[in-house]
Amino acid sequence: MAVNPMDMMKIGQRLKLFQEQHPKFPAFLAQVKENALMPGSIMEMKVTTPEGWEYITNIRLTQDDVETLRMAGQFKN
């Protein structure tokens, strides 16, 4: 699969905007990466809609998950 450079630029711009709008989130991710990204850790995500509906899921991280997340964290905009 070829990577379109224009798509990569768009993604980089959107990530920059996201970081500007949510400045505490990158620091949170850095703390997780440094202290909690290990096999056996449980990663949970909860989304609450404006209407109050909640969607929650979690996974127990495997070594493969940790390696994948660390690789994904190497991409910078």
N, C-alpha and C. Protein backbone atom coordinates (compact mmCIF):
# COMPACT_ATOMS: atom_id res chain seq x y z
N MET A 1 0.84 -1.17 0.00
CA MET A 1 0.00 0.00 0.00
C MET A 1 0.89 1.24 0.00
N ALA A 2 0.70 2.09 -0.98
CA ALA A 2 1.48 3.31 -1.09
C ALA A 2 0.88 4.40 -0.20
N VAL A 3 1.74 5.21 0.37
CA VAL A 3 1.29 6.31 1.23
C VAL A 3 1.28 7.58 0.39
N ASN A 4 0.14 8.22 0.37
CA ASN A 4 -0.01 9.47 -0.36
C ASN A 4 0.56 10.61 0.49
N PRO A 5 1.60 11.31 -0.01
CA PRO A 5 2.20 12.40 0.76
C PRO A 5 1.20 13.50 1.14
N MET A 6 0.24 13.77 0.26
CA MET A 6 -0.76 14.80 0.57
C MET A 6 -1.64 14.35 1.74
N ASP A 7 -1.98 13.08 1.79
CA ASP A 7 -2.77 12.57 2.90
C ASP A 7 -1.98 12.66 4.20
N MET A 8 -0.70 12.36 4.13
CA MET A 8 0.14 12.46 5.32
C MET A 8 0.22 13.90 5.83
N MET A 9 0.28 14.85 4.90
CA MET A 9 0.30 16.27 5.30
C MET A 9 -1.02 16.65 5.98
N LYS A 10 -2.13 16.18 5.44
CA LYS A 10 -3.43 16.48 6.02
C LYS A 10 -3.54 15.89 7.42
N ILE A 11 -3.09 14.66 7.57
CA ILE A 11 -3.12 14.02 8.88
C ILE A 11 -2.26 14.80 9.87
N GLY A 12 -1.08 15.21 9.43
CA GLY A 12 -0.20 15.99 10.29
C GLY A 12 -0.84 17.29 10.73
N GLN A 13 -1.53 17.96 9.82
CA GLN A 13 -2.21 19.21 10.15
C GLN A 13 -3.34 18.97 11.15
N ARG A 14 -4.08 17.88 10.94
CA ARG A 14 -5.18 17.57 11.85
C ARG A 14 -4.65 17.21 13.25
N LEU A 15 -3.54 16.47 13.30
CA LEU A 15 -2.95 16.13 14.60
C LEU A 15 -2.47 17.38 15.33
N LYS A 16 -1.89 18.31 14.59
CA LYS A 16 -1.45 19.57 15.20
C LYS A 16 -2.64 20.33 15.76
N LEU A 17 -3.72 20.40 15.00
CA LEU A 17 -4.93 21.07 15.46
C LEU A 17 -5.48 20.38 16.71
N PHE A 18 -5.52 19.05 16.70
CA PHE A 18 -5.99 18.29 17.86
C PHE A 18 -5.15 18.61 19.09
N GLN A 19 -3.83 18.66 18.93
CA GLN A 19 -2.95 18.97 20.05
C GLN A 19 -3.16 20.38 20.57
N GLU A 20 -3.44 21.32 19.67
CA GLU A 20 -3.70 22.69 20.09
C GLU A 20 -5.02 22.79 20.86
N GLN A 21 -6.01 22.03 20.45
CA GLN A 21 -7.32 22.08 21.08
C GLN A 21 -7.39 21.27 22.37
N HIS A 22 -6.48 20.32 22.53
CA HIS A 22 -6.46 19.45 23.71
C HIS A 22 -5.02 19.34 24.23
N PRO A 23 -4.48 20.44 24.76
CA PRO A 23 -3.06 20.48 25.12
C PRO A 23 -2.63 19.50 26.21
N LYS A 24 -3.53 19.04 27.06
CA LYS A 24 -3.16 18.10 28.13
C LYS A 24 -3.03 16.66 27.62
N PHE A 25 -3.65 16.37 26.49
CA PHE A 25 -3.68 14.99 26.00
C PHE A 25 -2.30 14.45 25.63
N PRO A 26 -1.46 15.20 24.91
CA PRO A 26 -0.12 14.67 24.61
C PRO A 26 0.70 14.35 25.87
N ALA A 27 0.56 15.18 26.92
CA ALA A 27 1.28 14.92 28.17
C ALA A 27 0.75 13.63 28.82
N PHE A 28 -0.56 13.43 28.75
CA PHE A 28 -1.15 12.20 29.27
C PHE A 28 -0.60 10.99 28.54
N LEU A 29 -0.58 11.07 27.20
CA LEU A 29 -0.05 9.95 26.42
C LEU A 29 1.42 9.69 26.73
N ALA A 30 2.18 10.74 26.94
CA ALA A 30 3.60 10.57 27.29
C ALA A 30 3.75 9.84 28.62
N GLN A 31 2.91 10.19 29.60
CA GLN A 31 2.96 9.50 30.90
C GLN A 31 2.58 8.03 30.76
N VAL A 32 1.56 7.76 29.96
CA VAL A 32 1.15 6.36 29.74
C VAL A 32 2.29 5.59 29.07
N LYS A 33 2.87 6.20 28.03
CA LYS A 33 3.96 5.54 27.31
C LYS A 33 5.12 5.23 28.25
N GLU A 34 5.42 6.17 29.12
CA GLU A 34 6.58 6.03 30.01
C GLU A 34 6.31 5.07 31.17
N ASN A 35 5.08 5.05 31.69
CA ASN A 35 4.82 4.35 32.94
C ASN A 35 3.84 3.19 32.89
N ALA A 36 3.03 3.09 31.84
CA ALA A 36 1.96 2.10 31.88
C ALA A 36 1.84 1.24 30.63
N LEU A 37 2.63 1.52 29.63
CA LEU A 37 2.53 0.76 28.38
C LEU A 37 3.36 -0.52 28.51
N MET A 38 2.70 -1.57 29.05
CA MET A 38 3.39 -2.83 29.26
C MET A 38 2.38 -3.97 29.17
N PRO A 39 2.84 -5.15 28.85
CA PRO A 39 1.92 -6.29 28.81
C PRO A 39 1.22 -6.47 30.14
N GLY A 40 -0.08 -6.73 30.07
CA GLY A 40 -0.87 -6.92 31.28
C GLY A 40 -1.64 -5.68 31.69
N SER A 41 -1.21 -4.49 31.23
CA SER A 41 -1.97 -3.27 31.53
C SER A 41 -3.31 -3.34 30.81
N ILE A 42 -4.32 -2.75 31.41
CA ILE A 42 -5.64 -2.71 30.79
C ILE A 42 -5.87 -1.29 30.27
N MET A 43 -6.17 -1.20 28.98
CA MET A 43 -6.45 0.08 28.35
C MET A 43 -7.97 0.15 28.16
N GLU A 44 -8.59 1.21 28.69
CA GLU A 44 -10.04 1.35 28.61
C GLU A 44 -10.39 2.66 27.91
N MET A 45 -11.45 2.61 27.12
CA MET A 45 -11.93 3.82 26.46
C MET A 45 -13.42 3.95 26.71
N LYS A 46 -13.83 5.17 27.04
CA LYS A 46 -15.24 5.46 27.28
C LYS A 46 -15.61 6.70 26.47
N VAL A 47 -16.70 6.61 25.74
CA VAL A 47 -17.22 7.74 24.99
C VAL A 47 -18.64 7.99 25.46
N THR A 48 -18.93 9.25 25.83
CA THR A 48 -20.28 9.64 26.24
C THR A 48 -20.80 10.66 25.23
N THR A 49 -21.93 10.35 24.62
CA THR A 49 -22.50 11.26 23.64
C THR A 49 -23.19 12.43 24.35
N PRO A 50 -23.47 13.52 23.64
CA PRO A 50 -24.19 14.64 24.25
C PRO A 50 -25.55 14.21 24.83
N GLU A 51 -26.13 13.15 24.27
CA GLU A 51 -27.42 12.65 24.77
C GLU A 51 -27.27 11.77 26.01
N GLY A 52 -26.04 11.44 26.39
CA GLY A 52 -25.80 10.64 27.57
C GLY A 52 -25.56 9.16 27.32
N TRP A 53 -25.56 8.73 26.08
CA TRP A 53 -25.25 7.33 25.78
C TRP A 53 -23.77 7.08 26.04
N GLU A 54 -23.47 5.95 26.63
CA GLU A 54 -22.08 5.60 26.93
C GLU A 54 -21.67 4.34 26.18
N TYR A 55 -20.47 4.41 25.65
CA TYR A 55 -19.84 3.27 24.97
C TYR A 55 -18.51 3.05 25.66
N ILE A 56 -18.31 1.84 26.17
CA ILE A 56 -17.10 1.54 26.94
C ILE A 56 -16.51 0.22 26.43
N THR A 57 -15.19 0.19 26.30
CA THR A 57 -14.51 -1.05 25.96
C THR A 57 -13.14 -1.04 26.63
N ASN A 58 -12.54 -2.21 26.75
CA ASN A 58 -11.18 -2.28 27.29
C ASN A 58 -10.48 -3.49 26.71
N ILE A 59 -9.17 -3.44 26.75
CA ILE A 59 -8.34 -4.56 26.32
C ILE A 59 -7.18 -4.72 27.30
N ARG A 60 -6.78 -5.94 27.52
CA ARG A 60 -5.56 -6.21 28.29
C ARG A 60 -4.44 -6.29 27.26
N LEU A 61 -3.43 -5.42 27.42
CA LEU A 61 -2.36 -5.32 26.45
C LEU A 61 -1.47 -6.56 26.43
N THR A 62 -1.16 -7.00 25.22
CA THR A 62 -0.20 -8.08 25.02
C THR A 62 1.13 -7.44 24.60
N GLN A 63 2.18 -8.24 24.53
CA GLN A 63 3.47 -7.73 24.06
C GLN A 63 3.34 -7.19 22.63
N ASP A 64 2.57 -7.88 21.78
CA ASP A 64 2.35 -7.41 20.42
C ASP A 64 1.66 -6.05 20.41
N ASP A 65 0.65 -5.88 21.28
CA ASP A 65 -0.04 -4.59 21.38
C ASP A 65 0.93 -3.48 21.76
N VAL A 66 1.76 -3.76 22.75
CA VAL A 66 2.74 -2.77 23.23
C VAL A 66 3.68 -2.37 22.09
N GLU A 67 4.18 -3.35 21.36
CA GLU A 67 5.08 -3.05 20.24
C GLU A 67 4.38 -2.23 19.18
N THR A 68 3.12 -2.57 18.87
CA THR A 68 2.37 -1.82 17.87
C THR A 68 2.15 -0.38 18.31
N LEU A 69 1.75 -0.19 19.56
CA LEU A 69 1.51 1.16 20.06
C LEU A 69 2.80 1.99 20.11
N ARG A 70 3.90 1.36 20.48
CA ARG A 70 5.18 2.09 20.49
C ARG A 70 5.59 2.47 19.07
N MET A 71 5.35 1.58 18.11
CA MET A 71 5.66 1.91 16.71
C MET A 71 4.80 3.06 16.23
N ALA A 72 3.51 3.03 16.56
CA ALA A 72 2.61 4.10 16.15
C ALA A 72 3.02 5.43 16.78
N GLY A 73 3.57 5.38 17.97
CA GLY A 73 4.01 6.59 18.67
C GLY A 73 5.25 7.22 18.07
N GLN A 74 5.93 6.51 17.18
CA GLN A 74 7.14 7.04 16.56
C GLN A 74 6.82 8.05 15.44
N PHE A 75 5.58 8.02 14.93
CA PHE A 75 5.20 8.93 13.85
C PHE A 75 4.97 10.32 14.43
N LYS A 76 5.63 11.29 13.88
CA LYS A 76 5.47 12.69 14.31
C LYS A 76 5.03 13.50 13.12
N ASN A 77 4.27 14.55 13.40
CA ASN A 77 3.84 15.41 12.29
C ASN A 77 4.87 16.47 12.03
